[in-house]
Amino acid sequence: MKIAAAQLTCIPADVPANAARAAALAVAAREQGAELVVFPEFTLTGYELAALASDPGLWTGADDPRLDPLRSAGIATAVGVAVPTGGPRPAIATLVHDADGAHVTTYLKQHLYRHEQGVFQPGAADGRFALGGIRFSLGICYDNHFPELTGRAAADGCRVHLASSLYGTGGGIRERATVHPGIAKEHGLYVVLANHVGPAGPWTGCGGAAVWGPGGEPAAEADDRTPSVVTAEVGV
């Protein structure tokens, strides 16, 4: 199976505009032969915590019609959003839809990073789904710094780990380049990283969306400047 990792620059707190940008990248991934495309954390809003805390209109459930451009792109998608939880705080989530637009799973970020803890509700369960005979696991940004999460995924038969993240310039460049190939090598997983590029809330996304093979070797890698997708084959 060929999988795409996406990087994009979000328009702050504009769900329809970001859905359109992501859908264009999804179509590009499909045209390159990918069956699944992975997007960064907060794909549809950017990293806009104040806006997400104050405006529930920015929260996006799996059946939100603003996702229609992505659901109709003809490719499976893993999209980063803030989802309603039924309480006063949303959760940071990845929504997975198949190529027909049907909802597959929703994963809620378990490990909230610093200032996220006062805004979001943490998740309590690992993310799993299967597509094309391959078992996938999900992690969102800071989740991927906890080896037990990906260790459980490998023990549960997952072959590919999807990391939807925001790594910025500066220290984020180093983390991006060490954490994900380290996961691949330690647990024998393919690792697919989607990241922001350019302005992203208080940071500047460093790009570098990538796929690493189970030995930690890079199979595909984007630059640090351009919204784009990169694709690579993953095996069973």
C-alpha atoms as a PDB file:
ATOM      1  CA  MET A   1       0.000   0.000   0.000  1.00  0.00           C
ATOM      2  CA  LYS A   2       1.172   3.520  -0.767  1.00  0.00           C
ATOM      3  CA  ILE A   3       0.629   6.102   1.982  1.00  0.00           C
ATOM      4  CA  ALA A   4       1.013   9.885   1.815  1.00  0.00           C
ATOM      5  CA  ALA A   5       2.220  12.268   4.510  1.00  0.00           C
ATOM      6  CA  ALA A   6       0.960  15.826   4.124  1.00  0.00           C
ATOM      7  CA  GLN A   7       2.253  19.182   5.264  1.00  0.00           C
ATOM      8  CA  LEU A   8       0.258  22.391   4.944  1.00  0.00           C
ATOM      9  CA  THR A   9       0.020  25.966   6.142  1.00  0.00           C
ATOM     10  CA  CYS A  10      -3.315  26.587   7.872  1.00  0.00           C
ATOM     11  CA  ILE A  11      -5.438  29.710   7.796  1.00  0.00           C
ATOM     12  CA  PRO A  12      -6.026  30.479  11.491  1.00  0.00           C
ATOM     13  CA  ALA A  13      -9.422  29.268  12.740  1.00  0.00           C
ATOM     14  CA  ASP A  14     -10.970  28.904   9.266  1.00  0.00           C
ATOM     15  CA  VAL A  15     -12.366  25.381   9.037  1.00  0.00           C
ATOM     16  CA  PRO A  16     -13.855  25.560   5.499  1.00  0.00           C
ATOM     17  CA  ALA A  17     -10.729  27.129   3.996  1.00  0.00           C
ATOM     18  CA  ASN A  18      -8.426  24.584   5.628  1.00  0.00           C
ATOM     19  CA  ALA A  19     -10.678  21.709   4.595  1.00  0.00           C
ATOM     20  CA  ALA A  20     -10.369  22.924   1.010  1.00  0.00           C
ATOM     21  CA  ARG A  21      -6.566  23.159   1.287  1.00  0.00           C
ATOM     22  CA  ALA A  22      -6.371  19.674   2.779  1.00  0.00           C
ATOM     23  CA  ALA A  23      -8.730  18.275   0.138  1.00  0.00           C
ATOM     24  CA  ALA A  24      -6.485  19.589  -2.633  1.00  0.00           C
ATOM     25  CA  LEU A  25      -3.529  17.799  -1.053  1.00  0.00           C
ATOM     26  CA  ALA A  26      -5.633  14.644  -0.650  1.00  0.00           C
ATOM     27  CA  VAL A  27      -6.448  14.677  -4.365  1.00  0.00           C
ATOM     28  CA  ALA A  28      -2.753  15.143  -5.149  1.00  0.00           C
ATOM     29  CA  ALA A  29      -1.924  12.147  -2.951  1.00  0.00           C
ATOM     30  CA  ARG A  30      -4.583  10.034  -4.667  1.00  0.00           C
ATOM     31  CA  GLU A  31      -3.208  11.010  -8.069  1.00  0.00           C
ATOM     32  CA  GLN A  32       0.217   9.812  -6.907  1.00  0.00           C
ATOM     33  CA  GLY A  33      -1.295   6.408  -6.136  1.00  0.00           C
ATOM     34  CA  ALA A  34      -1.728   6.735  -2.370  1.00  0.00           C
ATOM     35  CA  GLU A  35      -4.644   4.992  -0.660  1.00  0.00           C
ATOM     36  CA  LEU A  36      -4.346   6.934   2.611  1.00  0.00           C
ATOM     37  CA  VAL A  37      -3.162  10.468   3.390  1.00  0.00           C
ATOM     38  CA  VAL A  38      -2.241  11.659   6.886  1.00  0.00           C
ATOM     39  CA  PHE A  39      -2.576  15.315   7.945  1.00  0.00           C
ATOM     40  CA  PRO A  40      -1.085  17.306  10.851  1.00  0.00           C
ATOM     41  CA  GLU A  41      -2.497  18.043  14.275  1.00  0.00           C
ATOM     42  CA  PHE A  42      -5.256  20.691  14.042  1.00  0.00           C
ATOM     43  CA  THR A  43      -5.501  20.406  10.254  1.00  0.00           C
ATOM     44  CA  LEU A  44      -8.741  22.355  10.097  1.00  0.00           C
ATOM     45  CA  THR A  45      -7.955  25.262  12.440  1.00  0.00           C
ATOM     46  CA  GLY A  46      -4.221  25.571  12.875  1.00  0.00           C
ATOM     47  CA  TYR A  47      -2.756  25.648  16.377  1.00  0.00           C
ATOM     48  CA  GLU A  48      -5.129  28.322  17.674  1.00  0.00           C
ATOM     49  CA  LEU A  49      -5.784  27.368  21.282  1.00  0.00           C
ATOM     50  CA  ALA A  50      -7.483  30.599  22.394  1.00  0.00           C
ATOM     51  CA  ALA A  51      -9.948  30.409  19.511  1.00  0.00           C
ATOM     52  CA  LEU A  52     -10.610  26.710  20.107  1.00  0.00           C
ATOM     53  CA  ALA A  53     -11.225  27.305  23.803  1.00  0.00           C
ATOM     54  CA  SER A  54     -13.736  30.086  23.201  1.00  0.00           C
ATOM     55  CA  ASP A  55     -15.570  29.019  20.025  1.00  0.00           C
ATOM     56  CA  PRO A  56     -17.274  25.596  19.920  1.00  0.00           C
ATOM     57  CA  GLY A  57     -18.121  26.363  16.300  1.00  0.00           C
ATOM     58  CA  LEU A  58     -14.537  25.392  15.514  1.00  0.00           C
ATOM     59  CA  TRP A  59     -14.983  21.905  16.983  1.00  0.00           C
ATOM     60  CA  THR A  60     -15.452  19.256  14.298  1.00  0.00           C
ATOM     61  CA  GLY A  61     -17.172  15.898  14.681  1.00  0.00           C
ATOM     62  CA  ALA A  62     -16.811  12.979  12.289  1.00  0.00           C
ATOM     63  CA  ASP A  63     -20.056  13.812  10.468  1.00  0.00           C
ATOM     64  CA  ASP A  64     -19.463  17.577  10.201  1.00  0.00           C
ATOM     65  CA  PRO A  65     -20.456  18.701   6.672  1.00  0.00           C
ATOM     66  CA  ARG A  66     -17.379  20.939   6.548  1.00  0.00           C
ATOM     67  CA  LEU A  67     -15.411  17.713   6.101  1.00  0.00           C
ATOM     68  CA  ASP A  68     -17.249  16.911   2.863  1.00  0.00           C
ATOM     69  CA  PRO A  69     -14.423  18.117   0.572  1.00  0.00           C
ATOM     70  CA  LEU A  70     -12.079  15.660   2.264  1.00  0.00           C
ATOM     71  CA  ARG A  71     -14.596  12.841   2.446  1.00  0.00           C
ATOM     72  CA  SER A  72     -15.218  13.162  -1.292  1.00  0.00           C
ATOM     73  CA  ALA A  73     -11.536  13.216  -2.319  1.00  0.00           C
ATOM     74  CA  GLY A  74     -11.554   9.505  -3.178  1.00  0.00           C
ATOM     75  CA  ILE A  75      -8.833   8.556  -0.688  1.00  0.00           C
ATOM     76  CA  ALA A  76      -8.777   7.512   2.967  1.00  0.00           C
ATOM     77  CA  THR A  77      -7.852  10.415   5.256  1.00  0.00           C
ATOM     78  CA  ALA A  78      -6.562  10.940   8.792  1.00  0.00           C
ATOM     79  CA  VAL A  79      -7.318  14.559   9.717  1.00  0.00           C
ATOM     80  CA  GLY A  80      -6.415  16.528  12.841  1.00  0.00           C
ATOM     81  CA  VAL A  81      -9.284  18.379  14.551  1.00  0.00           C
ATOM     82  CA  ALA A  82     -10.728  19.452  17.876  1.00  0.00           C
ATOM     83  CA  VAL A  83     -13.777  17.278  18.565  1.00  0.00           C
ATOM     84  CA  PRO A  84     -16.672  17.905  20.949  1.00  0.00           C
ATOM     85  CA  THR A  85     -16.714  15.584  23.960  1.00  0.00           C
ATOM     86  CA  GLY A  86     -20.114  16.362  25.415  1.00  0.00           C
ATOM     87  CA  GLY A  87     -18.471  18.481  28.109  1.00  0.00           C
ATOM     88  CA  PRO A  88     -17.054  21.995  28.311  1.00  0.00           C
ATOM     89  CA  ARG A  89     -13.709  21.038  26.790  1.00  0.00           C
ATOM     90  CA  PRO A  90     -13.050  19.549  23.360  1.00  0.00           C
ATOM     91  CA  ALA A  91     -10.444  16.876  22.704  1.00  0.00           C
ATOM     92  CA  ILE A  92      -7.539  16.975  20.276  1.00  0.00           C
ATOM     93  CA  ALA A  93      -8.329  14.246  17.783  1.00  0.00           C
ATOM     94  CA  THR A  94      -7.574  12.459  14.556  1.00  0.00           C
ATOM     95  CA  LEU A  95     -10.618  11.556  12.466  1.00  0.00           C
ATOM     96  CA  VAL A  96     -10.146   8.663  10.035  1.00  0.00           C
ATOM     97  CA  HIS A  97     -12.454   8.220   7.037  1.00  0.00           C
ATOM     98  CA  ASP A  98     -12.149   5.625   4.285  1.00  0.00           C
ATOM     99  CA  ALA A  99     -11.998   6.356   0.557  1.00  0.00           C
ATOM    100  CA  ASP A 100     -15.811   6.294   0.360  1.00  0.00           C
ATOM    101  CA  GLY A 101     -16.075   8.927   3.091  1.00  0.00           C
ATOM    102  CA  ALA A 102     -17.297   6.546   5.815  1.00  0.00           C
ATOM    103  CA  HIS A 103     -16.076   7.183   9.359  1.00  0.00           C
ATOM    104  CA  VAL A 104     -13.573   4.533  10.465  1.00  0.00           C
ATOM    105  CA  THR A 105     -12.369   5.726  13.876  1.00  0.00           C
ATOM    106  CA  THR A 106     -11.707   8.746  16.061  1.00  0.00           C
ATOM    107  CA  TYR A 107      -8.578   8.878  18.213  1.00  0.00           C
ATOM    108  CA  LEU A 108      -8.299  11.354  21.114  1.00  0.00           C
ATOM    109  CA  LYS A 109      -4.843  12.613  22.087  1.00  0.00           C
ATOM    110  CA  GLN A 110      -3.846  11.062  25.410  1.00  0.00           C
ATOM    111  CA  HIS A 111      -0.754  13.085  26.340  1.00  0.00           C
ATOM    112  CA  LEU A 112      -1.514  16.797  26.360  1.00  0.00           C
ATOM    113  CA  TYR A 113       1.413  19.183  26.074  1.00  0.00           C
ATOM    114  CA  ARG A 114       1.731  21.854  28.773  1.00  0.00           C
ATOM    115  CA  HIS A 115      -0.729  24.662  27.954  1.00  0.00           C
ATOM    116  CA  GLU A 116      -3.051  22.180  26.174  1.00  0.00           C
ATOM    117  CA  GLN A 117      -3.954  20.732  29.575  1.00  0.00           C
ATOM    118  CA  GLY A 118      -6.085  23.719  30.503  1.00  0.00           C
ATOM    119  CA  VAL A 119      -8.027  23.701  27.237  1.00  0.00           C
ATOM    120  CA  PHE A 120      -8.629  20.099  26.176  1.00  0.00           C
ATOM    121  CA  GLN A 121      -9.937  16.824  27.570  1.00  0.00           C
ATOM    122  CA  PRO A 122      -7.369  14.018  27.275  1.00  0.00           C
ATOM    123  CA  GLY A 123      -8.226  10.729  25.634  1.00  0.00           C
ATOM    124  CA  ALA A 124      -8.105   7.425  27.476  1.00  0.00           C
ATOM    125  CA  ALA A 125      -7.737   4.792  24.736  1.00  0.00           C
ATOM    126  CA  ASP A 126      -5.256   3.898  22.030  1.00  0.00           C
ATOM    127  CA  GLY A 127      -6.144   4.485  18.374  1.00  0.00           C
ATOM    128  CA  ARG A 128      -6.321   1.529  15.989  1.00  0.00           C
ATOM    129  CA  PHE A 129      -7.837   0.753  12.594  1.00  0.00           C
ATOM    130  CA  ALA A 130      -7.270  -1.569   9.646  1.00  0.00           C
ATOM    131  CA  LEU A 131      -7.157  -0.692   5.978  1.00  0.00           C
ATOM    132  CA  GLY A 132      -6.140  -2.828   3.019  1.00  0.00           C
ATOM    133  CA  GLY A 133      -5.141  -5.688   5.295  1.00  0.00           C
ATOM    134  CA  ILE A 134      -2.741  -3.492   7.312  1.00  0.00           C
ATOM    135  CA  ARG A 135      -3.230  -2.580  10.968  1.00  0.00           C
ATOM    136  CA  PHE A 136      -2.513   1.046  11.883  1.00  0.00           C
ATOM    137  CA  SER A 137      -1.955   2.946  15.128  1.00  0.00           C
ATOM    138  CA  LEU A 138      -2.408   6.662  15.775  1.00  0.00           C
ATOM    139  CA  GLY A 139      -0.507   9.238  17.814  1.00  0.00           C
ATOM    140  CA  ILE A 140      -0.811  13.015  17.977  1.00  0.00           C
ATOM    141  CA  CYS A 141       2.351  15.079  18.472  1.00  0.00           C
ATOM    142  CA  TYR A 142       3.380  14.766  22.159  1.00  0.00           C
ATOM    143  CA  ASP A 143       1.889  11.245  22.267  1.00  0.00           C
ATOM    144  CA  ASN A 144       4.816  10.104  20.158  1.00  0.00           C
ATOM    145  CA  HIS A 145       7.282  10.971  22.931  1.00  0.00           C
ATOM    146  CA  PHE A 146       5.881   8.136  25.068  1.00  0.00           C
ATOM    147  CA  PRO A 147       7.448   4.825  23.934  1.00  0.00           C
ATOM    148  CA  GLU A 148       4.815   2.755  25.697  1.00  0.00           C
ATOM    149  CA  LEU A 149       2.162   4.018  23.280  1.00  0.00           C
ATOM    150  CA  THR A 150       3.951   2.739  20.193  1.00  0.00           C
ATOM    151  CA  GLY A 151       5.167  -0.316  22.079  1.00  0.00           C
ATOM    152  CA  ARG A 152       1.548  -1.302  22.695  1.00  0.00           C
ATOM    153  CA  ALA A 153       0.801  -0.718  19.022  1.00  0.00           C
ATOM    154  CA  ALA A 154       3.556  -3.072  17.900  1.00  0.00           C
ATOM    155  CA  ALA A 155       2.470  -5.695  20.430  1.00  0.00           C
ATOM    156  CA  ASP A 156      -1.093  -5.381  19.124  1.00  0.00           C
ATOM    157  CA  GLY A 157      -0.030  -6.269  15.583  1.00  0.00           C
ATOM    158  CA  CYS A 158       0.164  -2.791  14.089  1.00  0.00           C
ATOM    159  CA  ARG A 159       2.569  -2.350  11.188  1.00  0.00           C
ATOM    160  CA  VAL A 160       2.224   1.400  10.538  1.00  0.00           C
ATOM    161  CA  HIS A 161       2.132   4.270  13.035  1.00  0.00           C
ATOM    162  CA  LEU A 162       0.566   7.546  11.918  1.00  0.00           C
ATOM    163  CA  ALA A 163       1.872  10.659  13.683  1.00  0.00           C
ATOM    164  CA  SER A 164      -0.119  13.882  13.195  1.00  0.00           C
ATOM    165  CA  SER A 165       2.040  16.629  14.656  1.00  0.00           C
ATOM    166  CA  LEU A 166       3.210  20.203  14.934  1.00  0.00           C
ATOM    167  CA  TYR A 167       6.972  20.515  15.090  1.00  0.00           C
ATOM    168  CA  GLY A 168       8.393  24.013  14.806  1.00  0.00           C
ATOM    169  CA  THR A 169      11.711  25.456  13.818  1.00  0.00           C
ATOM    170  CA  GLY A 170      14.402  25.382  16.481  1.00  0.00           C
ATOM    171  CA  GLY A 171      14.144  22.445  18.873  1.00  0.00           C
ATOM    172  CA  GLY A 172      11.272  20.957  16.919  1.00  0.00           C
ATOM    173  CA  ILE A 173      13.585  20.215  14.011  1.00  0.00           C
ATOM    174  CA  ARG A 174      15.734  18.009  16.237  1.00  0.00           C
ATOM    175  CA  GLU A 175      12.727  16.277  17.808  1.00  0.00           C
ATOM    176  CA  ARG A 176      11.139  15.606  14.427  1.00  0.00           C
ATOM    177  CA  ALA A 177      14.371  14.035  13.170  1.00  0.00           C
ATOM    178  CA  THR A 178      14.988  11.801  16.184  1.00  0.00           C
ATOM    179  CA  VAL A 179      11.654  10.759  17.717  1.00  0.00           C
ATOM    180  CA  HIS A 180      10.040   9.228  14.641  1.00  0.00           C
ATOM    181  CA  PRO A 181      12.911   7.203  13.155  1.00  0.00           C
ATOM    182  CA  GLY A 182      13.557   6.101  16.740  1.00  0.00           C
ATOM    183  CA  ILE A 183      10.005   4.735  16.973  1.00  0.00           C
ATOM    184  CA  ALA A 184      10.447   2.951  13.655  1.00  0.00           C
ATOM    185  CA  LYS A 185      13.727   1.343  14.681  1.00  0.00           C
ATOM    186  CA  GLU A 186      12.746   0.414  18.241  1.00  0.00           C
ATOM    187  CA  HIS A 187       9.380  -1.136  17.396  1.00  0.00           C
ATOM    188  CA  GLY A 188       9.830  -2.282  13.796  1.00  0.00           C
ATOM    189  CA  LEU A 189       7.048  -0.015  12.529  1.00  0.00           C
ATOM    190  CA  TYR A 190       6.626   2.134   9.490  1.00  0.00           C
ATOM    191  CA  VAL A 191       6.156   5.676  10.803  1.00  0.00           C
ATOM    192  CA  VAL A 192       4.298   8.350   8.836  1.00  0.00           C
ATOM    193  CA  LEU A 193       4.688  11.952  10.038  1.00  0.00           C
ATOM    194  CA  ALA A 194       2.418  14.809   8.930  1.00  0.00           C
ATOM    195  CA  ASN A 195       3.496  18.302  10.002  1.00  0.00           C
ATOM    196  CA  HIS A 196       2.766  21.987   9.624  1.00  0.00           C
ATOM    197  CA  VAL A 197       4.937  24.159   7.413  1.00  0.00           C
ATOM    198  CA  GLY A 198       5.120  27.916   7.871  1.00  0.00           C
ATOM    199  CA  PRO A 199       3.122  29.947  10.444  1.00  0.00           C
ATOM    200  CA  ALA A 200       1.316  27.734  12.982  1.00  0.00           C
ATOM    201  CA  GLY A 201      -0.084  29.594  15.974  1.00  0.00           C
ATOM    202  CA  PRO A 202       2.846  30.686  18.149  1.00  0.00           C
ATOM    203  CA  TRP A 203       5.323  28.636  16.122  1.00  0.00           C
ATOM    204  CA  THR A 204       6.644  28.206  12.610  1.00  0.00           C
ATOM    205  CA  GLY A 205       6.141  24.652  11.377  1.00  0.00           C
ATOM    206  CA  CYS A 206       9.361  23.077  10.119  1.00  0.00           C
ATOM    207  CA  GLY A 207       7.733  20.858   7.471  1.00  0.00           C
ATOM    208  CA  GLY A 208       9.617  17.669   6.765  1.00  0.00           C
ATOM    209  CA  ALA A 209       6.569  15.421   6.446  1.00  0.00           C
ATOM    210  CA  ALA A 210       8.025  11.966   6.012  1.00  0.00           C
ATOM    211  CA  VAL A 211       7.769   8.188   6.006  1.00  0.00           C
ATOM    212  CA  TRP A 212      10.357   6.013   7.744  1.00  0.00           C
ATOM    213  CA  GLY A 213      10.799   2.281   7.259  1.00  0.00           C
ATOM    214  CA  PRO A 214      10.878  -0.251  10.110  1.00  0.00           C
ATOM    215  CA  GLY A 215      14.652   0.112  10.467  1.00  0.00           C
ATOM    216  CA  GLY A 216      14.412   3.888  10.866  1.00  0.00           C
ATOM    217  CA  GLU A 217      15.572   4.666   7.340  1.00  0.00           C
ATOM    218  CA  PRO A 218      13.731   7.479   5.489  1.00  0.00           C
ATOM    219  CA  ALA A 219      11.541   6.316   2.599  1.00  0.00           C
ATOM    220  CA  ALA A 220      10.188   9.766   1.637  1.00  0.00           C
ATOM    221  CA  GLU A 221      10.657  13.272   3.007  1.00  0.00           C
ATOM    222  CA  ALA A 222       9.246  16.705   2.153  1.00  0.00           C
ATOM    223  CA  ASP A 223      11.117  19.992   2.266  1.00  0.00           C
ATOM    224  CA  ASP A 224      10.840  22.664   4.978  1.00  0.00           C
ATOM    225  CA  ARG A 225       9.040  25.280   2.860  1.00  0.00           C
ATOM    226  CA  THR A 226       6.209  24.022   0.647  1.00  0.00           C
ATOM    227  CA  PRO A 227       2.714  22.666   1.366  1.00  0.00           C
ATOM    228  CA  SER A 228       2.864  19.231  -0.262  1.00  0.00           C
ATOM    229  CA  VAL A 229       2.507  15.480   0.094  1.00  0.00           C
ATOM    230  CA  VAL A 230       5.152  12.769  -0.082  1.00  0.00           C
ATOM    231  CA  THR A 231       4.324   9.114  -0.655  1.00  0.00           C
ATOM    232  CA  ALA A 232       5.932   5.770   0.081  1.00  0.00           C
ATOM    233  CA  GLU A 233       5.056   2.094  -0.037  1.00  0.00           C
ATOM    234  CA  VAL A 234       4.478   0.312   3.253  1.00  0.00           C
ATOM    235  CA  GLY A 235       4.419  -3.462   3.512  1.00  0.00           C
ATOM    236  CA  VAL A 236       2.656  -5.968   5.728  1.00  0.00           C
END
